[in-house]
């Protein structure tokens, strides 16, 4: 799971809760870094959870449509 939000506290909380529920999660506050992580290892991610009102996120999410 790839979790992206510009609020560090939410990334920390979501990562912790979802990990405890047994999910493998990579959390990011920077959408560009998240996109780079996905491109480096796309096979590691089945789900993308993001805050669409993040600065710079709309462009990154638009690019995400073409990741695979």
PDB file of N, CA and C in Angstrom:
ATOM      1  N   UNK A   1       0.846  -1.172   0.000  1.00  0.00           N
ATOM      2  CA  UNK A   1       0.000   0.000   0.000  1.00  0.00           C
ATOM      3  C   UNK A   1       0.896   1.241   0.000  1.00  0.00           C
ATOM      4  N   UNK A   2       0.532   2.190  -0.821  1.00  0.00           N
ATOM      5  CA  UNK A   2       1.247   3.463  -0.892  1.00  0.00           C
ATOM      6  C   UNK A   2       0.327   4.530  -0.312  1.00  0.00           C
ATOM      7  N   UNK A   3       0.757   5.163   0.777  1.00  0.00           N
ATOM      8  CA  UNK A   3      -0.046   6.171   1.469  1.00  0.00           C
ATOM      9  C   UNK A   3       0.669   7.511   1.350  1.00  0.00           C
ATOM     10  N   UNK A   4      -0.047   8.518   0.805  1.00  0.00           N
ATOM     11  CA  UNK A   4       0.560   9.828   0.570  1.00  0.00           C
ATOM     12  C   UNK A   4      -0.339  10.917   1.153  1.00  0.00           C
ATOM     13  N   UNK A   5       0.219  11.732   2.028  1.00  0.00           N
ATOM     14  CA  UNK A   5      -0.510  12.854   2.623  1.00  0.00           C
ATOM     15  C   UNK A   5       0.517  13.908   3.010  1.00  0.00           C
ATOM     16  N   UNK A   6       0.153  15.175   2.893  1.00  0.00           N
ATOM     17  CA  UNK A   6       1.111  16.229   3.232  1.00  0.00           C
ATOM     18  C   UNK A   6       1.219  16.466   4.734  1.00  0.00           C
ATOM     19  N   UNK A   7       0.359  15.845   5.517  1.00  0.00           N
ATOM     20  CA  UNK A   7       0.436  15.995   6.966  1.00  0.00           C
ATOM     21  C   UNK A   7       1.192  14.809   7.557  1.00  0.00           C
ATOM     22  N   UNK A   8       2.368  15.088   8.080  1.00  0.00           N
ATOM     23  CA  UNK A   8       3.247  14.041   8.594  1.00  0.00           C
ATOM     24  C   UNK A   8       2.573  13.208   9.687  1.00  0.00           C
ATOM     25  N   UNK A   9       1.794  13.863  10.540  1.00  0.00           N
ATOM     26  CA  UNK A   9       1.128  13.134  11.625  1.00  0.00           C
ATOM     27  C   UNK A   9       0.140  12.097  11.070  1.00  0.00           C
ATOM     28  N   UNK A  10      -0.563  12.437  10.002  1.00  0.00           N
ATOM     29  CA  UNK A  10      -1.498  11.482   9.403  1.00  0.00           C
ATOM     30  C   UNK A  10      -0.776  10.317   8.747  1.00  0.00           C
ATOM     31  N   UNK A  11       0.341  10.596   8.110  1.00  0.00           N
ATOM     32  CA  UNK A  11       1.128   9.523   7.499  1.00  0.00           C
ATOM     33  C   UNK A  11       1.621   8.579   8.592  1.00  0.00           C
ATOM     34  N   UNK A  12       2.106   9.135   9.685  1.00  0.00           N
ATOM     35  CA  UNK A  12       2.590   8.325  10.795  1.00  0.00           C
ATOM     36  C   UNK A  12       1.456   7.471  11.370  1.00  0.00           C
ATOM     37  N   UNK A  13       0.323   8.095  11.651  1.00  0.00           N
ATOM     38  CA  UNK A  13      -0.803   7.396  12.244  1.00  0.00           C
ATOM     39  C   UNK A  13      -1.343   6.299  11.322  1.00  0.00           C
ATOM     40  N   UNK A  14      -1.577   6.639  10.071  1.00  0.00           N
ATOM     41  CA  UNK A  14      -2.096   5.660   9.118  1.00  0.00           C
ATOM     42  C   UNK A  14      -1.119   4.497   8.935  1.00  0.00           C
ATOM     43  N   UNK A  15       0.157   4.815   8.842  1.00  0.00           N
ATOM     44  CA  UNK A  15       1.166   3.767   8.680  1.00  0.00           C
ATOM     45  C   UNK A  15       1.169   2.827   9.881  1.00  0.00           C
ATOM     46  N   UNK A  16       1.078   3.387  11.036  1.00  0.00           N
ATOM     47  CA  UNK A  16       1.102   2.581  12.257  1.00  0.00           C
ATOM     48  C   UNK A  16      -0.143   1.698  12.369  1.00  0.00           C
ATOM     49  N   UNK A  17      -1.302   2.286  12.163  1.00  0.00           N
ATOM     50  CA  UNK A  17      -2.557   1.534  12.278  1.00  0.00           C
ATOM     51  C   UNK A  17      -2.644   0.447  11.212  1.00  0.00           C
ATOM     52  N   UNK A  18      -2.367   0.797   9.978  1.00  0.00           N
ATOM     53  CA  UNK A  18      -2.467  -0.174   8.894  1.00  0.00           C
ATOM     54  C   UNK A  18      -1.429  -1.278   9.023  1.00  0.00           C
ATOM     55  N   UNK A  19      -0.255  -0.956   9.515  1.00  0.00           N
ATOM     56  CA  UNK A  19       0.768  -1.982   9.760  1.00  0.00           C
ATOM     57  C   UNK A  19       0.302  -2.952  10.833  1.00  0.00           C
ATOM     58  N   UNK A  20      -0.303  -2.433  11.878  1.00  0.00           N
ATOM     59  CA  UNK A  20      -0.822  -3.297  12.944  1.00  0.00           C
ATOM     60  C   UNK A  20      -1.936  -4.210  12.454  1.00  0.00           C
ATOM     61  N   UNK A  21      -2.627  -3.785  11.420  1.00  0.00           N
ATOM     62  CA  UNK A  21      -3.685  -4.599  10.830  1.00  0.00           C
ATOM     63  C   UNK A  21      -3.134  -5.608   9.823  1.00  0.00           C
ATOM     64  N   UNK A  22      -1.819  -5.613   9.667  1.00  0.00           N
ATOM     65  CA  UNK A  22      -1.173  -6.593   8.815  1.00  0.00           C
ATOM     66  C   UNK A  22      -0.856  -6.148   7.404  1.00  0.00           C
ATOM     67  N   UNK A  23      -1.050  -4.879   7.113  1.00  0.00           N
ATOM     68  CA  UNK A  23      -0.758  -4.370   5.774  1.00  0.00           C
ATOM     69  C   UNK A  23       0.695  -3.924   5.667  1.00  0.00           C
ATOM     70  N   UNK A  24       1.255  -4.116   4.501  1.00  0.00           N
ATOM     71  CA  UNK A  24       2.577  -3.580   4.199  1.00  0.00           C
ATOM     72  C   UNK A  24       2.352  -2.191   3.625  1.00  0.00           C
ATOM     73  N   UNK A  25       2.905  -1.176   4.271  1.00  0.00           N
ATOM     74  CA  UNK A  25       2.603   0.206   3.877  1.00  0.00           C
ATOM     75  C   UNK A  25       3.877   1.028   3.763  1.00  0.00           C
ATOM     76  N   UNK A  26       3.907   1.866   2.747  1.00  0.00           N
ATOM     77  CA  UNK A  26       4.961   2.855   2.577  1.00  0.00           C
ATOM     78  C   UNK A  26       4.288   4.218   2.615  1.00  0.00           C
ATOM     79  N   UNK A  27       4.652   5.034   3.588  1.00  0.00           N
ATOM     80  CA  UNK A  27       4.030   6.335   3.753  1.00  0.00           C
ATOM     81  C   UNK A  27       4.949   7.464   3.322  1.00  0.00           C
ATOM     82  N   UNK A  28       4.371   8.445   2.646  1.00  0.00           N
ATOM     83  CA  UNK A  28       5.131   9.588   2.142  1.00  0.00           C
ATOM     84  C   UNK A  28       4.364  10.884   2.373  1.00  0.00           C
ATOM     85  N   UNK A  29       5.109  11.963   2.614  1.00  0.00           N
ATOM     86  CA  UNK A  29       4.517  13.294   2.680  1.00  0.00           C
ATOM     87  C   UNK A  29       4.789  14.070   1.400  1.00  0.00           C
ATOM     88  N   UNK A  30       5.642  13.548   0.568  1.00  0.00           N
ATOM     89  CA  UNK A  30       6.001  14.200  -0.686  1.00  0.00           C
ATOM     90  C   UNK A  30       5.528  13.341  -1.857  1.00  0.00           C
ATOM     91  N   UNK A  31       4.594  13.838  -2.668  1.00  0.00           N
ATOM     92  CA  UNK A  31       4.075  13.020  -3.767  1.00  0.00           C
ATOM     93  C   UNK A  31       5.126  12.654  -4.813  1.00  0.00           C
ATOM     94  N   UNK A  32       6.099  13.500  -5.002  1.00  0.00           N
ATOM     95  CA  UNK A  32       7.156  13.173  -5.974  1.00  0.00           C
ATOM     96  C   UNK A  32       7.989  11.997  -5.489  1.00  0.00           C
ATOM     97  N   UNK A  33       8.287  11.954  -4.200  1.00  0.00           N
ATOM     98  CA  UNK A  33       9.029  10.828  -3.637  1.00  0.00           C
ATOM     99  C   UNK A  33       8.201   9.546  -3.704  1.00  0.00           C
ATOM    100  N   UNK A  34       6.903   9.668  -3.476  1.00  0.00           N
ATOM    101  CA  UNK A  34       6.022   8.506  -3.570  1.00  0.00           C
ATOM    102  C   UNK A  34       6.015   7.958  -4.992  1.00  0.00           C
ATOM    103  N   UNK A  35       5.947   8.836  -5.963  1.00  0.00           N
ATOM    104  CA  UNK A  35       5.960   8.424  -7.365  1.00  0.00           C
ATOM    105  C   UNK A  35       7.279   7.728  -7.707  1.00  0.00           C
ATOM    106  N   UNK A  36       8.384   8.257  -7.216  1.00  0.00           N
ATOM    107  CA  UNK A  36       9.690   7.633  -7.447  1.00  0.00           C
ATOM    108  C   UNK A  36       9.752   6.242  -6.820  1.00  0.00           C
ATOM    109  N   UNK A  37       9.207   6.100  -5.601  1.00  0.00           N
ATOM    110  CA  UNK A  37       9.190   4.798  -4.934  1.00  0.00           C
ATOM    111  C   UNK A  37       8.355   3.807  -5.729  1.00  0.00           C
ATOM    112  N   UNK A  38       7.225   4.267  -6.244  1.00  0.00           N
ATOM    113  CA  UNK A  38       6.387   3.386  -7.044  1.00  0.00           C
ATOM    114  C   UNK A  38       7.101   2.971  -8.325  1.00  0.00           C
ATOM    115  N   UNK A  39       7.698   3.910  -8.982  1.00  0.00           N
ATOM    116  CA  UNK A  39       8.391   3.590 -10.238  1.00  0.00           C
ATOM    117  C   UNK A  39       9.551   2.626 -10.009  1.00  0.00           C
ATOM    118  N   UNK A  40      10.205   2.736  -8.863  1.00  0.00           N
ATOM    119  CA  UNK A  40      11.335   1.855  -8.563  1.00  0.00           C
ATOM    120  C   UNK A  40      10.871   0.424  -8.280  1.00  0.00           C
ATOM    121  N   UNK A  41       9.695   0.271  -7.652  1.00  0.00           N
ATOM    122  CA  UNK A  41       9.205  -1.056  -7.263  1.00  0.00           C
ATOM    123  C   UNK A  41       7.689  -1.145  -7.396  1.00  0.00           C
ATOM    124  N   UNK A  42       7.148  -1.059  -8.604  1.00  0.00           N
ATOM    125  CA  UNK A  42       5.690  -1.061  -8.772  1.00  0.00           C
ATOM    126  C   UNK A  42       5.021  -2.341  -8.265  1.00  0.00           C
ATOM    127  N   UNK A  43       5.741  -3.436  -8.273  1.00  0.00           N
ATOM    128  CA  UNK A  43       5.177  -4.701  -7.822  1.00  0.00           C
ATOM    129  C   UNK A  43       4.883  -4.711  -6.321  1.00  0.00           C
ATOM    130  N   UNK A  44       5.417  -3.763  -5.572  1.00  0.00           N
ATOM    131  CA  UNK A  44       5.207  -3.705  -4.125  1.00  0.00           C
ATOM    132  C   UNK A  44       3.901  -3.032  -3.725  1.00  0.00           C
ATOM    133  N   UNK A  45       3.173  -2.454  -4.670  1.00  0.00           N
ATOM    134  CA  UNK A  45       1.992  -1.662  -4.335  1.00  0.00           C
ATOM    135  C   UNK A  45       0.749  -2.160  -5.068  1.00  0.00           C
ATOM    136  N   UNK A  46      -0.300  -2.410  -4.292  1.00  0.00           N
ATOM    137  CA  UNK A  46      -1.593  -2.794  -4.858  1.00  0.00           C
ATOM    138  C   UNK A  46      -2.612  -1.679  -4.718  1.00  0.00           C
ATOM    139  N   UNK A  47      -2.384  -0.777  -3.742  1.00  0.00           N
ATOM    140  CA  UNK A  47      -3.358   0.264  -3.417  1.00  0.00           C
ATOM    141  C   UNK A  47      -2.640   1.595  -3.220  1.00  0.00           C
ATOM    142  N   UNK A  48      -3.265   2.668  -3.703  1.00  0.00           N
ATOM    143  CA  UNK A  48      -2.784   4.026  -3.474  1.00  0.00           C
ATOM    144  C   UNK A  48      -3.848   4.775  -2.676  1.00  0.00           C
ATOM    145  N   UNK A  49      -3.445   5.316  -1.524  1.00  0.00           N
ATOM    146  CA  UNK A  49      -4.326   6.148  -0.707  1.00  0.00           C
ATOM    147  C   UNK A  49      -3.673   7.512  -0.618  1.00  0.00           C
ATOM    148  N   UNK A  50      -4.412   8.558  -0.989  1.00  0.00           N
ATOM    149  CA  UNK A  50      -3.805   9.887  -1.006  1.00  0.00           C
ATOM    150  C   UNK A  50      -4.816  10.980  -0.680  1.00  0.00           C
ATOM    151  N   UNK A  51      -4.279  12.096  -0.263  1.00  0.00           N
ATOM    152  CA  UNK A  51      -5.039  13.315  -0.022  1.00  0.00           C
ATOM    153  C   UNK A  51      -4.971  14.120  -1.313  1.00  0.00           C
ATOM    154  N   UNK A  52      -6.062  14.228  -2.022  1.00  0.00           N
ATOM    155  CA  UNK A  52      -6.044  14.904  -3.323  1.00  0.00           C
ATOM    156  C   UNK A  52      -5.901  16.414  -3.232  1.00  0.00           C
ATOM    157  N   UNK A  53      -6.025  16.982  -2.048  1.00  0.00           N
ATOM    158  CA  UNK A  53      -5.876  18.433  -1.923  1.00  0.00           C
ATOM    159  C   UNK A  53      -4.453  18.848  -1.572  1.00  0.00           C
ATOM    160  N   UNK A  54      -3.530  17.911  -1.656  1.00  0.00           N
ATOM    161  CA  UNK A  54      -2.134  18.217  -1.366  1.00  0.00           C
ATOM    162  C   UNK A  54      -1.529  19.106  -2.439  1.00  0.00           C
ATOM    163  N   UNK A  55      -0.630  20.001  -2.038  1.00  0.00           N
ATOM    164  CA  UNK A  55       0.118  20.757  -3.049  1.00  0.00           C
ATOM    165  C   UNK A  55       0.932  19.779  -3.904  1.00  0.00           C
ATOM    166  N   UNK A  56       0.961  19.960  -5.161  1.00  0.00           N
ATOM    167  CA  UNK A  56       1.709  19.158  -6.128  1.00  0.00           C
ATOM    168  C   UNK A  56       1.136  17.764  -6.326  1.00  0.00           C
ATOM    169  N   UNK A  57       0.091  17.400  -5.619  1.00  0.00           N
ATOM    170  CA  UNK A  57      -0.422  16.038  -5.708  1.00  0.00           C
ATOM    171  C   UNK A  57      -1.191  15.790  -6.994  1.00  0.00           C
ATOM    172  N   UNK A  58      -1.945  16.749  -7.450  1.00  0.00           N
ATOM    173  CA  UNK A  58      -2.770  16.521  -8.641  1.00  0.00           C
ATOM    174  C   UNK A  58      -1.919  16.117  -9.845  1.00  0.00           C
ATOM    175  N   UNK A  59      -0.805  16.766 -10.031  1.00  0.00           N
ATOM    176  CA  UNK A  59       0.065  16.416 -11.161  1.00  0.00           C
ATOM    177  C   UNK A  59       0.643  15.022 -10.975  1.00  0.00           C
ATOM    178  N   UNK A  60       1.042  14.697  -9.763  1.00  0.00           N
ATOM    179  CA  UNK A  60       1.608  13.370  -9.504  1.00  0.00           C
ATOM    180  C   UNK A  60       0.565  12.281  -9.674  1.00  0.00           C
ATOM    181  N   UNK A  61      -0.659  12.535  -9.217  1.00  0.00           N
ATOM    182  CA  UNK A  61      -1.718  11.547  -9.357  1.00  0.00           C
ATOM    183  C   UNK A  61      -2.104  11.385 -10.814  1.00  0.00           C
ATOM    184  N   UNK A  62      -2.086  12.461 -11.565  1.00  0.00           N
ATOM    185  CA  UNK A  62      -2.362  12.360 -12.996  1.00  0.00           C
ATOM    186  C   UNK A  62      -1.335  11.461 -13.663  1.00  0.00           C
ATOM    187  N   UNK A  63      -0.093  11.600 -13.269  1.00  0.00           N
ATOM    188  CA  UNK A  63       0.959  10.741 -13.811  1.00  0.00           C
ATOM    189  C   UNK A  63       0.780   9.303 -13.342  1.00  0.00           C
ATOM    190  N   UNK A  64       0.212   9.124 -12.166  1.00  0.00           N
ATOM    191  CA  UNK A  64       0.032   7.788 -11.614  1.00  0.00           C
ATOM    192  C   UNK A  64      -0.877   6.944 -12.482  1.00  0.00           C
ATOM    193  N   UNK A  65      -1.775   7.552 -13.210  1.00  0.00           N
ATOM    194  CA  UNK A  65      -2.673   6.808 -14.084  1.00  0.00           C
ATOM    195  C   UNK A  65      -1.890   6.040 -15.140  1.00  0.00           C
ATOM    196  N   UNK A  66      -0.691   6.493 -15.419  1.00  0.00           N
ATOM    197  CA  UNK A  66       0.118   5.878 -16.452  1.00  0.00           C
ATOM    198  C   UNK A  66       1.289   5.076 -15.893  1.00  0.00           C
ATOM    199  N   UNK A  67       1.267   4.793 -14.590  1.00  0.00           N
ATOM    200  CA  UNK A  67       2.377   4.080 -13.963  1.00  0.00           C
ATOM    201  C   UNK A  67       2.616   2.711 -14.572  1.00  0.00           C
ATOM    202  N   UNK A  68       1.555   2.023 -14.825  1.00  0.00           N
ATOM    203  CA  UNK A  68       1.728   0.656 -15.282  1.00  0.00           C
ATOM    204  C   UNK A  68       1.017   0.407 -16.571  1.00  0.00           C
TER     205      UNK A  68
END
